[in-house]
Amino acid sequence: MNQQKPPKGRNPLKNIAILSGIGIEMGFIIFLSAKGGIWLDEHYQTEKRIFTAIATMIGVAIAIYVVLLQLKRVKY
């Protein structure tokens, strides 16, 4: 007789762990990029904080990219 295996992939605890870490990852990436921009502005003594703005935008873009990669791992 042919025995069928149960379908794989639906592990709700793994999905919850992945989704709960997304916000922390986003915050950490954006925080580090903003701190790097602040450091650059202080190092080069800029008046308009241009490095902070640019670094923060880059951090947001990286955070969104990381979130999209994480969402691909979630199985519905």
N, C-alpha and C. Protein backbone atom coordinates (compact mmCIF):
# COMPACT_ATOMS: atom_id res chain seq x y z
N MET A 1 0.82 -1.17 0.00
CA MET A 1 0.00 0.00 0.00
C MET A 1 0.87 1.25 0.00
N ASN A 2 0.31 2.31 -0.50
CA ASN A 2 1.02 3.57 -0.64
C ASN A 2 0.62 4.50 0.50
N GLN A 3 1.58 4.86 1.35
CA GLN A 3 1.29 5.80 2.44
C GLN A 3 1.74 7.20 2.04
N GLN A 4 0.88 8.16 2.29
CA GLN A 4 1.20 9.53 1.96
C GLN A 4 1.70 10.25 3.20
N LYS A 5 2.68 11.13 3.00
CA LYS A 5 3.23 11.93 4.09
C LYS A 5 2.42 13.21 4.22
N PRO A 6 2.30 13.74 5.44
CA PRO A 6 1.58 15.02 5.60
C PRO A 6 2.35 16.15 4.93
N PRO A 7 1.64 17.16 4.44
CA PRO A 7 2.32 18.27 3.76
C PRO A 7 3.23 19.03 4.73
N LYS A 8 4.38 19.44 4.22
CA LYS A 8 5.34 20.19 5.02
C LYS A 8 5.13 21.69 4.82
N GLY A 9 5.78 22.50 5.68
CA GLY A 9 5.85 23.93 5.43
C GLY A 9 4.98 24.79 6.31
N ARG A 10 3.98 24.25 6.96
CA ARG A 10 3.10 25.09 7.76
C ARG A 10 3.46 24.97 9.24
N ASN A 11 4.42 25.73 9.64
CA ASN A 11 4.83 25.77 11.04
C ASN A 11 4.52 27.16 11.59
N PRO A 12 3.42 27.30 12.32
CA PRO A 12 3.01 28.65 12.76
C PRO A 12 3.99 29.29 13.74
N LEU A 13 4.67 28.50 14.57
CA LEU A 13 5.62 29.10 15.51
C LEU A 13 6.82 29.71 14.79
N LYS A 14 7.27 29.07 13.74
CA LYS A 14 8.38 29.61 12.97
C LYS A 14 7.97 30.92 12.29
N ASN A 15 6.77 30.95 11.75
CA ASN A 15 6.27 32.17 11.11
C ASN A 15 6.14 33.31 12.11
N ILE A 16 5.67 33.01 13.31
CA ILE A 16 5.53 34.04 14.34
C ILE A 16 6.90 34.59 14.73
N ALA A 17 7.87 33.72 14.84
CA ALA A 17 9.22 34.16 15.19
C ALA A 17 9.81 35.06 14.11
N ILE A 18 9.62 34.70 12.87
CA ILE A 18 10.13 35.51 11.76
C ILE A 18 9.46 36.88 11.74
N LEU A 19 8.14 36.90 11.88
CA LEU A 19 7.41 38.16 11.81
C LEU A 19 7.68 39.06 13.00
N SER A 20 7.91 38.49 14.18
CA SER A 20 8.16 39.33 15.34
C SER A 20 9.55 39.96 15.30
N GLY A 21 10.48 39.35 14.61
CA GLY A 21 11.82 39.90 14.52
C GLY A 21 11.98 40.98 13.46
N ILE A 22 11.02 41.11 12.58
CA ILE A 22 11.13 42.06 11.48
C ILE A 22 11.20 43.50 11.99
N GLY A 23 10.36 43.86 12.94
CA GLY A 23 10.35 45.22 13.46
C GLY A 23 11.65 45.58 14.17
N ILE A 24 12.18 44.61 14.91
CA ILE A 24 13.44 44.85 15.61
C ILE A 24 14.57 45.04 14.61
N GLU A 25 14.59 44.21 13.57
CA GLU A 25 15.63 44.34 12.53
C GLU A 25 15.55 45.70 11.84
N MET A 26 14.33 46.11 11.48
CA MET A 26 14.17 47.40 10.81
C MET A 26 14.66 48.54 11.69
N GLY A 27 14.25 48.52 12.94
CA GLY A 27 14.67 49.58 13.85
C GLY A 27 16.18 49.62 14.04
N PHE A 28 16.80 48.47 14.16
CA PHE A 28 18.24 48.39 14.36
C PHE A 28 19.00 48.91 13.14
N ILE A 29 18.56 48.52 11.94
CA ILE A 29 19.23 48.96 10.71
C ILE A 29 19.12 50.48 10.55
N ILE A 30 17.92 51.01 10.75
CA ILE A 30 17.71 52.45 10.59
C ILE A 30 18.47 53.23 11.67
N PHE A 31 18.47 52.72 12.91
CA PHE A 31 19.20 53.38 13.99
C PHE A 31 20.69 53.45 13.69
N LEU A 32 21.28 52.33 13.25
CA LEU A 32 22.71 52.32 12.96
C LEU A 32 23.07 53.24 11.80
N SER A 33 22.23 53.27 10.78
CA SER A 33 22.53 54.15 9.65
C SER A 33 22.42 55.62 10.05
N ALA A 34 21.44 55.96 10.88
CA ALA A 34 21.30 57.34 11.34
C ALA A 34 22.48 57.74 12.23
N LYS A 35 22.91 56.83 13.11
CA LYS A 35 24.07 57.13 13.95
C LYS A 35 25.33 57.31 13.09
N GLY A 36 25.47 56.51 12.04
CA GLY A 36 26.60 56.68 11.13
C GLY A 36 26.56 58.02 10.43
N GLY A 37 25.37 58.45 10.02
CA GLY A 37 25.22 59.76 9.39
C GLY A 37 25.54 60.90 10.34
N ILE A 38 25.11 60.76 11.59
CA ILE A 38 25.42 61.79 12.59
C ILE A 38 26.93 61.86 12.80
N TRP A 39 27.57 60.70 12.88
CA TRP A 39 29.02 60.68 13.06
C TRP A 39 29.73 61.36 11.89
N LEU A 40 29.28 61.08 10.66
CA LEU A 40 29.89 61.72 9.49
C LEU A 40 29.69 63.23 9.51
N ASP A 41 28.49 63.67 9.90
CA ASP A 41 28.24 65.12 9.98
C ASP A 41 29.13 65.79 11.02
N GLU A 42 29.33 65.12 12.14
CA GLU A 42 30.21 65.70 13.17
C GLU A 42 31.67 65.66 12.73
N HIS A 43 32.05 64.60 12.06
CA HIS A 43 33.44 64.45 11.62
C HIS A 43 33.81 65.50 10.57
N TYR A 44 32.91 65.71 9.61
CA TYR A 44 33.18 66.69 8.54
C TYR A 44 32.60 68.07 8.85
N GLN A 45 31.99 68.24 9.99
CA GLN A 45 31.45 69.51 10.47
C GLN A 45 30.53 70.20 9.46
N THR A 46 29.55 69.46 9.00
CA THR A 46 28.57 70.03 8.08
C THR A 46 27.48 70.75 8.87
N GLU A 47 26.92 71.79 8.29
CA GLU A 47 25.90 72.58 8.97
C GLU A 47 24.49 72.04 8.75
N LYS A 48 24.24 71.44 7.59
CA LYS A 48 22.87 71.05 7.25
C LYS A 48 22.54 69.58 7.51
N ARG A 49 23.43 68.83 8.10
CA ARG A 49 23.19 67.42 8.43
C ARG A 49 22.81 66.59 7.19
N ILE A 50 23.51 66.81 6.11
CA ILE A 50 23.21 66.11 4.86
C ILE A 50 23.56 64.63 4.95
N PHE A 51 24.65 64.29 5.64
CA PHE A 51 25.04 62.89 5.76
C PHE A 51 24.02 62.10 6.58
N THR A 52 23.45 62.74 7.58
CA THR A 52 22.43 62.07 8.39
C THR A 52 21.20 61.75 7.54
N ALA A 53 20.79 62.69 6.73
CA ALA A 53 19.61 62.47 5.88
C ALA A 53 19.87 61.38 4.85
N ILE A 54 21.03 61.42 4.21
CA ILE A 54 21.34 60.43 3.18
C ILE A 54 21.49 59.04 3.80
N ALA A 55 22.21 58.95 4.92
CA ALA A 55 22.42 57.66 5.56
C ALA A 55 21.11 57.07 6.07
N THR A 56 20.23 57.91 6.59
CA THR A 56 18.94 57.41 7.07
C THR A 56 18.09 56.89 5.92
N MET A 57 18.08 57.58 4.79
CA MET A 57 17.32 57.10 3.62
C MET A 57 17.89 55.78 3.11
N ILE A 58 19.20 55.65 3.10
CA ILE A 58 19.81 54.40 2.69
C ILE A 58 19.46 53.29 3.67
N GLY A 59 19.44 53.61 4.96
CA GLY A 59 19.06 52.64 5.98
C GLY A 59 17.62 52.17 5.83
N VAL A 60 16.73 53.08 5.51
CA VAL A 60 15.33 52.71 5.29
C VAL A 60 15.21 51.79 4.08
N ALA A 61 15.93 52.10 3.01
CA ALA A 61 15.89 51.25 1.81
C ALA A 61 16.43 49.85 2.12
N ILE A 62 17.51 49.78 2.86
CA ILE A 62 18.07 48.47 3.22
C ILE A 62 17.09 47.70 4.11
N ALA A 63 16.45 48.41 5.05
CA ALA A 63 15.50 47.76 5.95
C ALA A 63 14.31 47.20 5.18
N ILE A 64 13.81 47.94 4.20
CA ILE A 64 12.70 47.45 3.39
C ILE A 64 13.12 46.22 2.60
N TYR A 65 14.33 46.24 2.05
CA TYR A 65 14.84 45.09 1.31
C TYR A 65 14.94 43.86 2.22
N VAL A 66 15.43 44.05 3.43
CA VAL A 66 15.56 42.93 4.37
C VAL A 66 14.18 42.40 4.74
N VAL A 67 13.20 43.28 4.93
CA VAL A 67 11.83 42.84 5.24
C VAL A 67 11.26 42.01 4.10
N LEU A 68 11.48 42.44 2.88
CA LEU A 68 10.97 41.67 1.74
C LEU A 68 11.61 40.29 1.67
N LEU A 69 12.89 40.20 1.98
CA LEU A 69 13.55 38.89 2.01
C LEU A 69 12.97 38.02 3.12
N GLN A 70 12.69 38.60 4.27
CA GLN A 70 12.12 37.84 5.37
C GLN A 70 10.70 37.36 5.04
N LEU A 71 9.92 38.19 4.37
CA LEU A 71 8.55 37.80 4.04
C LEU A 71 8.49 36.65 3.04
N LYS A 72 9.52 36.51 2.23
CA LYS A 72 9.55 35.37 1.31
C LYS A 72 9.70 34.05 2.04
N ARG A 73 10.28 34.09 3.25
CA ARG A 73 10.49 32.87 4.02
C ARG A 73 9.24 32.42 4.76
N VAL A 74 8.25 33.30 4.90
CA VAL A 74 7.02 32.96 5.62
C VAL A 74 6.15 32.08 4.72
N LYS A 75 5.72 30.96 5.26
CA LYS A 75 4.85 30.04 4.52
C LYS A 75 3.43 30.22 5.04
N TYR A 76 2.49 30.37 4.13
CA TYR A 76 1.09 30.60 4.52
C TYR A 76 0.34 29.32 4.69
